[in-house]
Amino acid sequence: MKTFVQTTCIVLVVFLFMQTYETASARGISVTCTSDKADQPDCLFFGTFGGVDSSGVAFWVTAFVDHTIAFPKLVSRKVRNRIFHTNS
């Protein structure tokens, strides 16, 4: 049972991550910033390692939480549609 719960949690996190990735890609938001944007205030630049866009990270966290909150509604809507669709 413990393995099932762990596997389910991993699958759920991957699913939510993929939804967040699709949302960020659709809006053109990235967590990295290029060297030409190193002087911008929202870019934390680490030299040769590249940079992290703090506004991009904030968007990813917010979008992940939003998708997590919306997930139960998505599941219940799918189940309800499936039940009513098969009983019709």
PDB file of N, CA and C in Angstrom:
ATOM      1  N   MET A   1       0.822  -1.194   0.000  1.00  0.00           N
ATOM      2  CA  MET A   1       0.000   0.000   0.000  1.00  0.00           C
ATOM      3  C   MET A   1       0.870   1.264   0.000  1.00  0.00           C
ATOM      4  N   LYS A   2       1.968   1.213   0.759  1.00  0.00           N
ATOM      5  CA  LYS A   2       2.872   2.362   0.835  1.00  0.00           C
ATOM      6  C   LYS A   2       3.452   2.680  -0.544  1.00  0.00           C
ATOM      7  N   THR A   3       3.813   1.659  -1.293  1.00  0.00           N
ATOM      8  CA  THR A   3       4.366   1.858  -2.631  1.00  0.00           C
ATOM      9  C   THR A   3       3.325   2.469  -3.557  1.00  0.00           C
ATOM     10  N   PHE A   4       2.083   2.040  -3.434  1.00  0.00           N
ATOM     11  CA  PHE A   4       1.005   2.584  -4.269  1.00  0.00           C
ATOM     12  C   PHE A   4       0.812   4.075  -3.994  1.00  0.00           C
ATOM     13  N   VAL A   5       0.803   4.462  -2.722  1.00  0.00           N
ATOM     14  CA  VAL A   5       0.621   5.865  -2.356  1.00  0.00           C
ATOM     15  C   VAL A   5       1.797   6.699  -2.857  1.00  0.00           C
ATOM     16  N   GLN A   6       3.018   6.191  -2.697  1.00  0.00           N
ATOM     17  CA  GLN A   6       4.194   6.913  -3.170  1.00  0.00           C
ATOM     18  C   GLN A   6       4.154   7.086  -4.688  1.00  0.00           C
ATOM     19  N   THR A   7       3.801   6.024  -5.393  1.00  0.00           N
ATOM     20  CA  THR A   7       3.736   6.088  -6.847  1.00  0.00           C
ATOM     21  C   THR A   7       2.656   7.062  -7.292  1.00  0.00           C
ATOM     22  N   THR A   8       1.517   7.039  -6.627  1.00  0.00           N
ATOM     23  CA  THR A   8       0.430   7.959  -6.958  1.00  0.00           C
ATOM     24  C   THR A   8       0.849   9.404  -6.735  1.00  0.00           C
ATOM     25  N   CYS A   9       1.546   9.669  -5.651  1.00  0.00           N
ATOM     26  CA  CYS A   9       2.020  11.026  -5.373  1.00  0.00           C
ATOM     27  C   CYS A   9       3.027  11.494  -6.428  1.00  0.00           C
ATOM     28  N   ILE A  10       3.922  10.625  -6.815  1.00  0.00           N
ATOM     29  CA  ILE A  10       4.906  10.975  -7.847  1.00  0.00           C
ATOM     30  C   ILE A  10       4.213  11.266  -9.169  1.00  0.00           C
ATOM     31  N   VAL A  11       3.268  10.433  -9.546  1.00  0.00           N
ATOM     32  CA  VAL A  11       2.523  10.644 -10.796  1.00  0.00           C
ATOM     33  C   VAL A  11       1.752  11.957 -10.739  1.00  0.00           C
ATOM     34  N   LEU A  12       1.143  12.258  -9.605  1.00  0.00           N
ATOM     35  CA  LEU A  12       0.397  13.503  -9.446  1.00  0.00           C
ATOM     36  C   LEU A  12       1.310  14.721  -9.585  1.00  0.00           C
ATOM     37  N   VAL A  13       2.467  14.688  -8.947  1.00  0.00           N
ATOM     38  CA  VAL A  13       3.409  15.810  -9.035  1.00  0.00           C
ATOM     39  C   VAL A  13       3.906  15.982 -10.472  1.00  0.00           C
ATOM     40  N   VAL A  14       4.206  14.884 -11.150  1.00  0.00           N
ATOM     41  CA  VAL A  14       4.650  14.961 -12.548  1.00  0.00           C
ATOM     42  C   VAL A  14       3.542  15.539 -13.418  1.00  0.00           C
ATOM     43  N   PHE A  15       2.306  15.090 -13.202  1.00  0.00           N
ATOM     44  CA  PHE A  15       1.171  15.607 -13.968  1.00  0.00           C
ATOM     45  C   PHE A  15       1.008  17.109 -13.761  1.00  0.00           C
ATOM     46  N   LEU A  16       1.070  17.557 -12.493  1.00  0.00           N
ATOM     47  CA  LEU A  16       0.935  18.982 -12.209  1.00  0.00           C
ATOM     48  C   LEU A  16       2.108  19.776 -12.771  1.00  0.00           C
ATOM     49  N   PHE A  17       3.310  19.210 -12.723  1.00  0.00           N
ATOM     50  CA  PHE A  17       4.470  19.871 -13.316  1.00  0.00           C
ATOM     51  C   PHE A  17       4.285  20.040 -14.826  1.00  0.00           C
ATOM     52  N   MET A  18       3.778  19.003 -15.486  1.00  0.00           N
ATOM     53  CA  MET A  18       3.560  19.087 -16.938  1.00  0.00           C
ATOM     54  C   MET A  18       2.497  20.132 -17.274  1.00  0.00           C
ATOM     55  N   GLN A  19       1.454  20.230 -16.471  1.00  0.00           N
ATOM     56  CA  GLN A  19       0.444  21.265 -16.696  1.00  0.00           C
ATOM     57  C   GLN A  19       1.053  22.652 -16.524  1.00  0.00           C
ATOM     58  N   THR A  20       1.882  22.811 -15.508  1.00  0.00           N
ATOM     59  CA  THR A  20       2.542  24.091 -15.266  1.00  0.00           C
ATOM     60  C   THR A  20       3.493  24.419 -16.412  1.00  0.00           C
ATOM     61  N   TYR A  21       4.206  23.424 -16.900  1.00  0.00           N
ATOM     62  CA  TYR A  21       5.120  23.623 -18.028  1.00  0.00           C
ATOM     63  C   TYR A  21       4.352  24.082 -19.268  1.00  0.00           C
ATOM     64  N   GLU A  22       3.213  23.453 -19.543  1.00  0.00           N
ATOM     65  CA  GLU A  22       2.408  23.848 -20.701  1.00  0.00           C
ATOM     66  C   GLU A  22       1.894  25.276 -20.559  1.00  0.00           C
ATOM     67  N   THR A  23       1.481  25.649 -19.360  1.00  0.00           N
ATOM     68  CA  THR A  23       1.006  27.011 -19.119  1.00  0.00           C
ATOM     69  C   THR A  23       2.136  28.015 -19.323  1.00  0.00           C
ATOM     70  N   ALA A  24       3.306  27.722 -18.779  1.00  0.00           N
ATOM     71  CA  ALA A  24       4.454  28.625 -18.918  1.00  0.00           C
ATOM     72  C   ALA A  24       4.901  28.715 -20.374  1.00  0.00           C
ATOM     73  N   SER A  25       4.908  27.601 -21.082  1.00  0.00           N
ATOM     74  CA  SER A  25       5.311  27.609 -22.492  1.00  0.00           C
ATOM     75  C   SER A  25       4.335  28.408 -23.336  1.00  0.00           C
ATOM     76  N   ALA A  26       3.053  28.257 -23.052  1.00  0.00           N
ATOM     77  CA  ALA A  26       2.039  28.990 -23.816  1.00  0.00           C
ATOM     78  C   ALA A  26       2.187  30.500 -23.630  1.00  0.00           C
ATOM     79  N   ARG A  27       2.654  30.913 -22.465  1.00  0.00           N
ATOM     80  CA  ARG A  27       2.826  32.349 -22.192  1.00  0.00           C
ATOM     81  C   ARG A  27       4.240  32.828 -22.447  1.00  0.00           C
ATOM     82  N   GLY A  28       5.132  31.920 -22.831  1.00  0.00           N
ATOM     83  CA  GLY A  28       6.512  32.294 -23.136  1.00  0.00           C
ATOM     84  C   GLY A  28       7.322  32.675 -21.911  1.00  0.00           C
ATOM     85  N   ILE A  29       7.036  32.057 -20.783  1.00  0.00           N
ATOM     86  CA  ILE A  29       7.720  32.379 -19.527  1.00  0.00           C
ATOM     87  C   ILE A  29       8.775  31.323 -19.231  1.00  0.00           C
ATOM     88  N   SER A  30       9.949  31.776 -18.850  1.00  0.00           N
ATOM     89  CA  SER A  30      11.058  30.880 -18.549  1.00  0.00           C
ATOM     90  C   SER A  30      11.636  31.231 -17.185  1.00  0.00           C
ATOM     91  N   VAL A  31      12.250  30.257 -16.534  1.00  0.00           N
ATOM     92  CA  VAL A  31      12.898  30.522 -15.244  1.00  0.00           C
ATOM     93  C   VAL A  31      14.359  30.919 -15.430  1.00  0.00           C
ATOM     94  N   THR A  32      14.860  30.824 -16.634  1.00  0.00           N
ATOM     95  CA  THR A  32      16.245  31.214 -16.899  1.00  0.00           C
ATOM     96  C   THR A  32      16.270  32.538 -17.640  1.00  0.00           C
ATOM     97  N   CYS A  33      17.379  33.238 -17.510  1.00  0.00           N
ATOM     98  CA  CYS A  33      17.567  34.461 -18.283  1.00  0.00           C
ATOM     99  C   CYS A  33      18.946  34.410 -18.954  1.00  0.00           C
ATOM    100  N   THR A  34      19.003  34.973 -20.108  1.00  0.00           N
ATOM    101  CA  THR A  34      20.231  34.931 -20.894  1.00  0.00           C
ATOM    102  C   THR A  34      21.217  35.987 -20.403  1.00  0.00           C
ATOM    103  N   SER A  35      22.447  35.886 -20.893  1.00  0.00           N
ATOM    104  CA  SER A  35      23.493  36.803 -20.443  1.00  0.00           C
ATOM    105  C   SER A  35      23.216  38.248 -20.844  1.00  0.00           C
ATOM    106  N   ASP A  36      22.466  38.462 -21.920  1.00  0.00           N
ATOM    107  CA  ASP A  36      22.156  39.841 -22.316  1.00  0.00           C
ATOM    108  C   ASP A  36      21.134  40.494 -21.383  1.00  0.00           C
ATOM    109  N   LYS A  37      20.465  39.700 -20.555  1.00  0.00           N
ATOM    110  CA  LYS A  37      19.497  40.234 -19.592  1.00  0.00           C
ATOM    111  C   LYS A  37      20.053  40.208 -18.165  1.00  0.00           C
ATOM    112  N   ALA A  38      21.353  40.020 -18.034  1.00  0.00           N
ATOM    113  CA  ALA A  38      21.971  39.881 -16.706  1.00  0.00           C
ATOM    114  C   ALA A  38      21.855  41.153 -15.870  1.00  0.00           C
ATOM    115  N   ASP A  39      21.746  42.302 -16.494  1.00  0.00           N
ATOM    116  CA  ASP A  39      21.689  43.553 -15.747  1.00  0.00           C
ATOM    117  C   ASP A  39      20.276  43.942 -15.316  1.00  0.00           C
ATOM    118  N   GLN A  40      19.279  43.145 -15.671  1.00  0.00           N
ATOM    119  CA  GLN A  40      17.914  43.444 -15.254  1.00  0.00           C
ATOM    120  C   GLN A  40      17.731  43.103 -13.780  1.00  0.00           C
ATOM    121  N   PRO A  41      16.895  43.872 -13.079  1.00  0.00           N
ATOM    122  CA  PRO A  41      16.761  43.663 -11.629  1.00  0.00           C
ATOM    123  C   PRO A  41      16.127  42.327 -11.232  1.00  0.00           C
ATOM    124  N   ASP A  42      15.296  41.738 -12.083  1.00  0.00           N
ATOM    125  CA  ASP A  42      14.657  40.478 -11.706  1.00  0.00           C
ATOM    126  C   ASP A  42      15.453  39.251 -12.138  1.00  0.00           C
ATOM    127  N   CYS A  43      16.662  39.443 -12.651  1.00  0.00           N
ATOM    128  CA  CYS A  43      17.510  38.335 -13.072  1.00  0.00           C
ATOM    129  C   CYS A  43      18.674  38.179 -12.092  1.00  0.00           C
ATOM    130  N   LEU A  44      18.740  37.017 -11.476  1.00  0.00           N
ATOM    131  CA  LEU A  44      19.861  36.699 -10.601  1.00  0.00           C
ATOM    132  C   LEU A  44      20.883  35.952 -11.447  1.00  0.00           C
ATOM    133  N   PHE A  45      21.961  36.621 -11.812  1.00  0.00           N
ATOM    134  CA  PHE A  45      22.931  36.049 -12.741  1.00  0.00           C
ATOM    135  C   PHE A  45      24.082  35.416 -11.971  1.00  0.00           C
ATOM    136  N   PHE A  46      24.445  34.186 -12.343  1.00  0.00           N
ATOM    137  CA  PHE A  46      25.497  33.425 -11.671  1.00  0.00           C
ATOM    138  C   PHE A  46      26.702  33.175 -12.577  1.00  0.00           C
ATOM    139  N   GLY A  47      27.039  34.129 -13.380  1.00  0.00           N
ATOM    140  CA  GLY A  47      28.211  34.013 -14.250  1.00  0.00           C
ATOM    141  C   GLY A  47      28.041  32.951 -15.319  1.00  0.00           C
ATOM    142  N   THR A  48      28.999  32.034 -15.405  1.00  0.00           N
ATOM    143  CA  THR A  48      28.969  31.008 -16.447  1.00  0.00           C
ATOM    144  C   THR A  48      27.831  30.005 -16.260  1.00  0.00           C
ATOM    145  N   PHE A  49      27.262  29.946 -15.063  1.00  0.00           N
ATOM    146  CA  PHE A  49      26.157  29.021 -14.814  1.00  0.00           C
ATOM    147  C   PHE A  49      24.835  29.527 -15.374  1.00  0.00           C
ATOM    148  N   GLY A  50      24.778  30.789 -15.744  1.00  0.00           N
ATOM    149  CA  GLY A  50      23.549  31.366 -16.278  1.00  0.00           C
ATOM    150  C   GLY A  50      22.832  32.173 -15.218  1.00  0.00           C
ATOM    151  N   GLY A  51      21.574  32.442 -15.485  1.00  0.00           N
ATOM    152  CA  GLY A  51      20.814  33.264 -14.557  1.00  0.00           C
ATOM    153  C   GLY A  51      19.431  32.705 -14.296  1.00  0.00           C
ATOM    154  N   VAL A  52      18.854  33.163 -13.211  1.00  0.00           N
ATOM    155  CA  VAL A  52      17.512  32.748 -12.816  1.00  0.00           C
ATOM    156  C   VAL A  52      16.627  33.980 -12.812  1.00  0.00           C
ATOM    157  N   ASP A  53      15.532  33.886 -13.520  1.00  0.00           N
ATOM    158  CA  ASP A  53      14.554  34.971 -13.595  1.00  0.00           C
ATOM    159  C   ASP A  53      13.589  34.819 -12.425  1.00  0.00           C
ATOM    160  N   SER A  54      13.678  35.716 -11.459  1.00  0.00           N
ATOM    161  CA  SER A  54      12.853  35.588 -10.256  1.00  0.00           C
ATOM    162  C   SER A  54      11.365  35.716 -10.562  1.00  0.00           C
ATOM    163  N   SER A  55      10.990  36.534 -11.543  1.00  0.00           N
ATOM    164  CA  SER A  55       9.576  36.632 -11.894  1.00  0.00           C
ATOM    165  C   SER A  55       9.099  35.343 -12.573  1.00  0.00           C
ATOM    166  N   GLY A  56       9.971  34.668 -13.318  1.00  0.00           N
ATOM    167  CA  GLY A  56       9.626  33.383 -13.917  1.00  0.00           C
ATOM    168  C   GLY A  56       9.441  32.307 -12.860  1.00  0.00           C
ATOM    169  N   VAL A  57      10.303  32.315 -11.844  1.00  0.00           N
ATOM    170  CA  VAL A  57      10.169  31.351 -10.751  1.00  0.00           C
ATOM    171  C   VAL A  57       8.872  31.616  -9.995  1.00  0.00           C
ATOM    172  N   ALA A  58       8.558  32.873  -9.756  1.00  0.00           N
ATOM    173  CA  ALA A  58       7.311  33.217  -9.060  1.00  0.00           C
ATOM    174  C   ALA A  58       6.097  32.752  -9.862  1.00  0.00           C
ATOM    175  N   PHE A  59       6.148  32.920 -11.190  1.00  0.00           N
ATOM    176  CA  PHE A  59       5.042  32.450 -12.025  1.00  0.00           C
ATOM    177  C   PHE A  59       4.906  30.940 -11.935  1.00  0.00           C
ATOM    178  N   TRP A  60       6.020  30.210 -12.011  1.00  0.00           N
ATOM    179  CA  TRP A  60       5.976  28.746 -11.945  1.00  0.00           C
ATOM    180  C   TRP A  60       5.375  28.278 -10.626  1.00  0.00           C
ATOM    181  N   VAL A  61       5.785  28.877  -9.520  1.00  0.00           N
ATOM    182  CA  VAL A  61       5.257  28.479  -8.213  1.00  0.00           C
ATOM    183  C   VAL A  61       3.763  28.774  -8.141  1.00  0.00           C
ATOM    184  N   THR A  62       3.369  29.958  -8.570  1.00  0.00           N
ATOM    185  CA  THR A  62       1.958  30.338  -8.542  1.00  0.00           C
ATOM    186  C   THR A  62       1.126  29.438  -9.441  1.00  0.00           C
ATOM    187  N   ALA A  63       1.611  29.166 -10.646  1.00  0.00           N
ATOM    188  CA  ALA A  63       0.872  28.309 -11.576  1.00  0.00           C
ATOM    189  C   ALA A  63       0.770  26.882 -11.039  1.00  0.00           C
ATOM    190  N   PHE A  64       1.835  26.374 -10.425  1.00  0.00           N
ATOM    191  CA  PHE A  64       1.797  25.027  -9.852  1.00  0.00           C
ATOM    192  C   PHE A  64       0.756  24.940  -8.740  1.00  0.00           C
ATOM    193  N   VAL A  65       0.724  25.946  -7.875  1.00  0.00           N
ATOM    194  CA  VAL A  65      -0.274  25.972  -6.797  1.00  0.00           C
ATOM    195  C   VAL A  65      -1.676  26.080  -7.375  1.00  0.00           C
ATOM    196  N   ASP A  66      -1.855  26.924  -8.382  1.00  0.00           N
ATOM    197  CA  ASP A  66      -3.171  27.058  -9.026  1.00  0.00           C
ATOM    198  C   ASP A  66      -3.637  25.741  -9.627  1.00  0.00           C
ATOM    199  N   HIS A  67      -2.746  25.040 -10.307  1.00  0.00           N
ATOM    200  CA  HIS A  67      -3.100  23.743 -10.894  1.00  0.00           C
ATOM    201  C   HIS A  67      -3.402  22.714  -9.807  1.00  0.00           C
ATOM    202  N   THR A  68      -2.666  22.787  -8.698  1.00  0.00           N
ATOM    203  CA  THR A  68      -2.898  21.864  -7.589  1.00  0.00           C
ATOM    204  C   THR A  68      -4.274  22.095  -6.974  1.00  0.00           C
ATOM    205  N   ILE A  69      -4.662  23.355  -6.824  1.00  0.00           N
ATOM    206  CA  ILE A  69      -5.973  23.681  -6.260  1.00  0.00           C
ATOM    207  C   ILE A  69      -7.084  23.270  -7.220  1.00  0.00           C
ATOM    208  N   ALA A  70      -6.859  23.427  -8.521  1.00  0.00           N
ATOM    209  CA  ALA A  70      -7.891  23.105  -9.516  1.00  0.00           C
ATOM    210  C   ALA A  70      -7.995  21.604  -9.792  1.00  0.00           C
ATOM    211  N   PHE A  71      -7.016  20.819  -9.380  1.00  0.00           N
ATOM    212  CA  PHE A  71      -6.994  19.392  -9.704  1.00  0.00           C
ATOM    213  C   PHE A  71      -8.215  18.621  -9.182  1.00  0.00           C
ATOM    214  N   PRO A  72      -8.622  18.782  -7.925  1.00  0.00           N
ATOM    215  CA  PRO A  72      -9.811  18.045  -7.466  1.00  0.00           C
ATOM    216  C   PRO A  72     -11.065  18.370  -8.279  1.00  0.00           C
ATOM    217  N   LYS A  73     -11.220  19.634  -8.675  1.00  0.00           N
ATOM    218  CA  LYS A  73     -12.374  20.011  -9.497  1.00  0.00           C
ATOM    219  C   LYS A  73     -12.299  19.336 -10.864  1.00  0.00           C
ATOM    220  N   LEU A  74     -11.099  19.265 -11.414  1.00  0.00           N
ATOM    221  CA  LEU A  74     -10.910  18.602 -12.706  1.00  0.00           C
ATOM    222  C   LEU A  74     -11.282  17.128 -12.622  1.00  0.00           C
ATOM    223  N   VAL A  75     -10.828  16.461 -11.587  1.00  0.00           N
ATOM    224  CA  VAL A  75     -11.109  15.036 -11.419  1.00  0.00           C
ATOM    225  C   VAL A  75     -12.607  14.810 -11.210  1.00  0.00           C
ATOM    226  N   SER A  76     -13.223  15.601 -10.342  1.00  0.00           N
ATOM    227  CA  SER A  76     -14.655  15.410 -10.092  1.00  0.00           C
ATOM    228  C   SER A  76     -15.484  15.693 -11.334  1.00  0.00           C
ATOM    229  N   ARG A  77     -15.094  16.681 -12.122  1.00  0.00           N
ATOM    230  CA  ARG A  77     -15.817  16.979 -13.361  1.00  0.00           C
ATOM    231  C   ARG A  77     -15.678  15.827 -14.355  1.00  0.00           C
ATOM    232  N   LYS A  78     -14.476  15.269 -14.461  1.00  0.00           N
ATOM    233  CA  LYS A  78     -14.259  14.140 -15.369  1.00  0.00           C
ATOM    234  C   LYS A  78     -15.064  12.924 -14.929  1.00  0.00           C
ATOM    235  N   VAL A  79     -15.072  12.651 -13.627  1.00  0.00           N
ATOM    236  CA  VAL A  79     -15.824  11.503 -13.112  1.00  0.00           C
ATOM    237  C   VAL A  79     -17.314  11.712 -13.326  1.00  0.00           C
ATOM    238  N   ARG A  80     -17.799  12.912 -13.013  1.00  0.00           N
ATOM    239  CA  ARG A  80     -19.221  13.209 -13.191  1.00  0.00           C
ATOM    240  C   ARG A  80     -19.631  13.096 -14.651  1.00  0.00           C
ATOM    241  N   ASN A  81     -18.822  13.626 -15.552  1.00  0.00           N
ATOM    242  CA  ASN A  81     -19.129  13.518 -16.982  1.00  0.00           C
ATOM    243  C   ASN A  81     -19.110  12.068 -17.437  1.00  0.00           C
ATOM    244  N   ARG A  82     -18.190  11.300 -16.904  1.00  0.00           N
ATOM    245  CA  ARG A  82     -18.087   9.885 -17.270  1.00  0.00           C
ATOM    246  C   ARG A  82     -19.311   9.101 -16.778  1.00  0.00           C
ATOM    247  N   ILE A  83     -19.754   9.387 -15.549  1.00  0.00           N
ATOM    248  CA  ILE A  83     -20.912   8.689 -14.971  1.00  0.00           C
ATOM    249  C   ILE A  83     -22.173   9.045 -15.741  1.00  0.00           C
ATOM    250  N   PHE A  84     -22.404  10.337 -15.964  1.00  0.00           N
ATOM    251  CA  PHE A  84     -23.621  10.749 -16.659  1.00  0.00           C
ATOM    252  C   PHE A  84     -23.603  10.370 -18.120  1.00  0.00           C
ATOM    253  N   HIS A  85     -22.410  10.335 -18.699  1.00  0.00           N
ATOM    254  CA  HIS A  85     -22.295   9.968 -20.118  1.00  0.00           C
ATOM    255  C   HIS A  85     -22.579   8.481 -20.322  1.00  0.00           C
ATOM    256  N   THR A  86     -22.130   7.630 -19.416  1.00  0.00           N
ATOM    257  CA  THR A  86     -22.352   6.188 -19.562  1.00  0.00           C
ATOM    258  C   THR A  86     -23.753   5.786 -19.176  1.00  0.00           C
ATOM    259  N   ASN A  87     -24.437   6.577 -18.327  1.00  0.00           N
ATOM    260  CA  ASN A  87     -25.816   6.249 -17.930  1.00  0.00           C
ATOM    261  C   ASN A  87     -26.837   6.745 -18.937  1.00  0.00           C
ATOM    262  N   SER A  88     -26.459   7.572 -19.855  1.00  0.00           N
ATOM    263  CA  SER A  88     -27.410   8.136 -20.821  1.00  0.00           C
ATOM    264  C   SER A  88     -27.767   7.141 -21.894  1.00  0.00           C
TER     265      SER A  88
END
